[in-house]
Amino acid sequence: MADQKQIIEAIAQALTLPESDIDLDSSLQDDLGLNPVEIADLLGSLSKEFKIFFEQSDVTGLKTVGDLVVLIEDKLLE
């Protein structure tokens, strides 16, 4: 199972950003500058990477990298 560091590595790779630019408190929109389409692309990439599926209800309200990490960890436990 992926841990927090692996998830952040995957996020950094998908966004072509250094891991040092990403922390749990980083806002997906404000800090990372992602628009809704880019967030959807990121979710698609992470879905393939971790072999999980996101429901629309899962991603409503995602604000930070921490929110996304918790969601992925929860999905991996299902």
N, C-alpha and C. Protein backbone atom coordinates (compact mmCIF):
# COMPACT_ATOMS: atom_id res chain seq x y z
N MET A 1 0.85 -1.18 0.00
CA MET A 1 0.00 0.00 0.00
C MET A 1 0.89 1.24 0.00
N ALA A 2 0.44 2.25 -0.69
CA ALA A 2 1.19 3.50 -0.80
C ALA A 2 1.11 4.29 0.50
N ASP A 3 2.23 4.90 0.85
CA ASP A 3 2.21 5.77 2.01
C ASP A 3 2.14 7.23 1.55
N GLN A 4 2.08 8.11 2.51
CA GLN A 4 1.93 9.53 2.23
C GLN A 4 3.03 10.05 1.30
N LYS A 5 4.26 9.64 1.53
CA LYS A 5 5.38 10.10 0.72
C LYS A 5 5.23 9.64 -0.73
N GLN A 6 4.82 8.39 -0.93
CA GLN A 6 4.63 7.88 -2.29
C GLN A 6 3.51 8.61 -3.01
N ILE A 7 2.47 8.95 -2.28
CA ILE A 7 1.36 9.68 -2.89
C ILE A 7 1.81 11.08 -3.31
N ILE A 8 2.55 11.75 -2.43
CA ILE A 8 3.05 13.08 -2.78
C ILE A 8 4.02 13.00 -3.95
N GLU A 9 4.86 11.96 -4.00
CA GLU A 9 5.76 11.76 -5.14
C GLU A 9 4.95 11.62 -6.44
N ALA A 10 3.87 10.86 -6.39
CA ALA A 10 3.03 10.65 -7.57
C ALA A 10 2.36 11.96 -7.99
N ILE A 11 1.92 12.75 -7.02
CA ILE A 11 1.32 14.05 -7.33
C ILE A 11 2.36 14.96 -7.99
N ALA A 12 3.55 15.01 -7.42
CA ALA A 12 4.62 15.83 -7.97
C ALA A 12 4.96 15.41 -9.40
N GLN A 13 5.04 14.10 -9.61
CA GLN A 13 5.36 13.60 -10.94
C GLN A 13 4.26 13.95 -11.94
N ALA A 14 3.01 13.78 -11.53
CA ALA A 14 1.89 14.08 -12.43
C ALA A 14 1.85 15.57 -12.80
N LEU A 15 2.25 16.41 -11.85
CA LEU A 15 2.22 17.86 -12.09
C LEU A 15 3.55 18.41 -12.59
N THR A 16 4.53 17.54 -12.76
CA THR A 16 5.89 17.93 -13.13
C THR A 16 6.41 19.07 -12.24
N LEU A 17 6.25 18.87 -10.94
CA LEU A 17 6.75 19.81 -9.94
C LEU A 17 7.71 19.08 -9.02
N PRO A 18 8.66 19.83 -8.44
CA PRO A 18 9.50 19.19 -7.42
C PRO A 18 8.68 18.87 -6.17
N GLU A 19 9.00 17.76 -5.54
CA GLU A 19 8.27 17.37 -4.32
C GLU A 19 8.34 18.47 -3.26
N SER A 20 9.42 19.22 -3.25
CA SER A 20 9.59 20.28 -2.25
C SER A 20 8.54 21.38 -2.40
N ASP A 21 7.90 21.47 -3.56
CA ASP A 21 6.85 22.48 -3.78
C ASP A 21 5.49 22.02 -3.26
N ILE A 22 5.42 20.77 -2.81
CA ILE A 22 4.13 20.19 -2.43
C ILE A 22 4.18 19.75 -0.98
N ASP A 23 3.23 20.24 -0.19
CA ASP A 23 3.07 19.72 1.17
C ASP A 23 1.58 19.52 1.43
N LEU A 24 1.27 18.93 2.55
CA LEU A 24 -0.12 18.56 2.84
C LEU A 24 -1.05 19.76 2.91
N ASP A 25 -0.51 20.92 3.26
CA ASP A 25 -1.34 22.11 3.38
C ASP A 25 -1.47 22.89 2.07
N SER A 26 -0.78 22.44 1.02
CA SER A 26 -0.85 23.14 -0.26
C SER A 26 -2.26 23.08 -0.84
N SER A 27 -2.79 24.23 -1.18
CA SER A 27 -4.10 24.31 -1.83
C SER A 27 -3.94 23.89 -3.29
N LEU A 28 -4.83 23.03 -3.74
CA LEU A 28 -4.75 22.58 -5.13
C LEU A 28 -4.90 23.75 -6.10
N GLN A 29 -5.80 24.67 -5.80
CA GLN A 29 -6.04 25.80 -6.69
C GLN A 29 -5.12 26.98 -6.40
N ASP A 30 -5.06 27.41 -5.15
CA ASP A 30 -4.32 28.62 -4.83
C ASP A 30 -2.80 28.43 -4.86
N ASP A 31 -2.30 27.39 -4.22
CA ASP A 31 -0.86 27.19 -4.14
C ASP A 31 -0.28 26.49 -5.37
N LEU A 32 -1.00 25.51 -5.88
CA LEU A 32 -0.50 24.76 -7.03
C LEU A 32 -1.02 25.30 -8.36
N GLY A 33 -2.00 26.21 -8.30
CA GLY A 33 -2.50 26.88 -9.50
C GLY A 33 -3.30 26.00 -10.43
N LEU A 34 -3.94 24.96 -9.88
CA LEU A 34 -4.71 24.05 -10.73
C LEU A 34 -6.13 24.54 -10.93
N ASN A 35 -6.58 24.48 -12.17
CA ASN A 35 -7.99 24.78 -12.45
C ASN A 35 -8.75 23.45 -12.39
N PRO A 36 -10.08 23.50 -12.46
CA PRO A 36 -10.86 22.25 -12.35
C PRO A 36 -10.49 21.17 -13.37
N VAL A 37 -10.15 21.56 -14.57
CA VAL A 37 -9.77 20.57 -15.59
C VAL A 37 -8.44 19.93 -15.23
N GLU A 38 -7.50 20.73 -14.73
CA GLU A 38 -6.20 20.19 -14.32
C GLU A 38 -6.34 19.28 -13.10
N ILE A 39 -7.25 19.60 -12.20
CA ILE A 39 -7.51 18.73 -11.05
C ILE A 39 -8.08 17.39 -11.54
N ALA A 40 -8.99 17.45 -12.51
CA ALA A 40 -9.55 16.22 -13.07
C ALA A 40 -8.46 15.38 -13.74
N ASP A 41 -7.55 16.04 -14.45
CA ASP A 41 -6.43 15.32 -15.08
C ASP A 41 -5.54 14.68 -14.02
N LEU A 42 -5.28 15.42 -12.94
CA LEU A 42 -4.47 14.88 -11.85
C LEU A 42 -5.14 13.65 -11.24
N LEU A 43 -6.43 13.74 -11.01
CA LEU A 43 -7.17 12.60 -10.45
C LEU A 43 -7.11 11.40 -11.38
N GLY A 44 -7.21 11.64 -12.68
CA GLY A 44 -7.11 10.56 -13.65
C GLY A 44 -5.75 9.89 -13.61
N SER A 45 -4.71 10.70 -13.51
CA SER A 45 -3.36 10.17 -13.43
C SER A 45 -3.16 9.35 -12.15
N LEU A 46 -3.64 9.87 -11.04
CA LEU A 46 -3.50 9.17 -9.76
C LEU A 46 -4.35 7.90 -9.72
N SER A 47 -5.49 7.95 -10.39
CA SER A 47 -6.36 6.78 -10.48
C SER A 47 -5.62 5.63 -11.17
N LYS A 48 -4.93 5.94 -12.26
CA LYS A 48 -4.16 4.93 -12.98
C LYS A 48 -2.97 4.46 -12.16
N GLU A 49 -2.27 5.41 -11.54
CA GLU A 49 -1.08 5.09 -10.76
C GLU A 49 -1.38 4.11 -9.63
N PHE A 50 -2.47 4.38 -8.90
CA PHE A 50 -2.78 3.58 -7.72
C PHE A 50 -3.89 2.55 -7.95
N LYS A 51 -4.38 2.49 -9.20
CA LYS A 51 -5.42 1.52 -9.57
C LYS A 51 -6.64 1.64 -8.66
N ILE A 52 -7.12 2.88 -8.58
CA ILE A 52 -8.32 3.19 -7.79
C ILE A 52 -9.28 3.98 -8.66
N PHE A 53 -10.51 4.11 -8.21
CA PHE A 53 -11.53 4.86 -8.95
C PHE A 53 -12.12 5.92 -8.03
N PHE A 54 -12.23 7.13 -8.54
CA PHE A 54 -12.82 8.22 -7.78
C PHE A 54 -14.25 8.45 -8.24
N GLU A 55 -15.18 8.47 -7.29
CA GLU A 55 -16.56 8.86 -7.57
C GLU A 55 -16.63 10.39 -7.52
N GLN A 56 -17.59 10.97 -8.21
CA GLN A 56 -17.75 12.42 -8.17
C GLN A 56 -17.94 12.90 -6.73
N SER A 57 -18.69 12.14 -5.94
CA SER A 57 -18.93 12.53 -4.55
C SER A 57 -17.65 12.50 -3.72
N ASP A 58 -16.66 11.70 -4.14
CA ASP A 58 -15.39 11.63 -3.43
C ASP A 58 -14.59 12.92 -3.58
N VAL A 59 -14.66 13.50 -4.76
CA VAL A 59 -13.76 14.62 -5.07
C VAL A 59 -14.39 15.99 -4.82
N THR A 60 -15.68 16.01 -4.58
CA THR A 60 -16.32 17.27 -4.25
C THR A 60 -15.78 17.73 -2.90
N GLY A 61 -15.26 18.92 -2.88
CA GLY A 61 -14.73 19.45 -1.63
C GLY A 61 -13.24 19.24 -1.44
N LEU A 62 -12.56 18.62 -2.41
CA LEU A 62 -11.10 18.51 -2.30
C LEU A 62 -10.50 19.91 -2.40
N LYS A 63 -9.76 20.30 -1.39
CA LYS A 63 -9.16 21.63 -1.37
C LYS A 63 -7.64 21.58 -1.33
N THR A 64 -7.10 20.63 -0.55
CA THR A 64 -5.65 20.61 -0.33
C THR A 64 -5.05 19.27 -0.74
N VAL A 65 -3.74 19.27 -0.81
CA VAL A 65 -3.02 18.02 -1.07
C VAL A 65 -3.33 17.02 0.04
N GLY A 66 -3.43 17.50 1.26
CA GLY A 66 -3.76 16.62 2.38
C GLY A 66 -5.10 15.93 2.20
N ASP A 67 -6.10 16.69 1.70
CA ASP A 67 -7.41 16.09 1.42
C ASP A 67 -7.27 14.96 0.39
N LEU A 68 -6.46 15.21 -0.62
CA LEU A 68 -6.26 14.24 -1.69
C LEU A 68 -5.52 13.00 -1.16
N VAL A 69 -4.52 13.22 -0.34
CA VAL A 69 -3.76 12.10 0.24
C VAL A 69 -4.69 11.22 1.08
N VAL A 70 -5.51 11.83 1.92
CA VAL A 70 -6.44 11.07 2.76
C VAL A 70 -7.42 10.28 1.88
N LEU A 71 -7.93 10.91 0.84
CA LEU A 71 -8.85 10.23 -0.07
C LEU A 71 -8.20 9.01 -0.71
N ILE A 72 -6.97 9.16 -1.19
CA ILE A 72 -6.28 8.05 -1.82
C ILE A 72 -6.01 6.94 -0.81
N GLU A 73 -5.56 7.31 0.39
CA GLU A 73 -5.33 6.30 1.42
C GLU A 73 -6.61 5.54 1.73
N ASP A 74 -7.73 6.25 1.83
CA ASP A 74 -9.02 5.60 2.10
C ASP A 74 -9.41 4.66 0.96
N LYS A 75 -9.20 5.11 -0.28
CA LYS A 75 -9.55 4.28 -1.44
C LYS A 75 -8.70 3.01 -1.48
N LEU A 76 -7.45 3.12 -1.09
CA LEU A 76 -6.56 1.95 -1.10
C LEU A 76 -6.96 0.93 -0.04
N LEU A 77 -7.68 1.36 0.98
CA LEU A 77 -8.13 0.44 2.02
C LEU A 77 -9.41 -0.29 1.64
N GLU A 78 -10.10 0.20 0.62
CA GLU A 78 -11.39 -0.41 0.23
C GLU A 78 -11.17 -1.77 -0.39
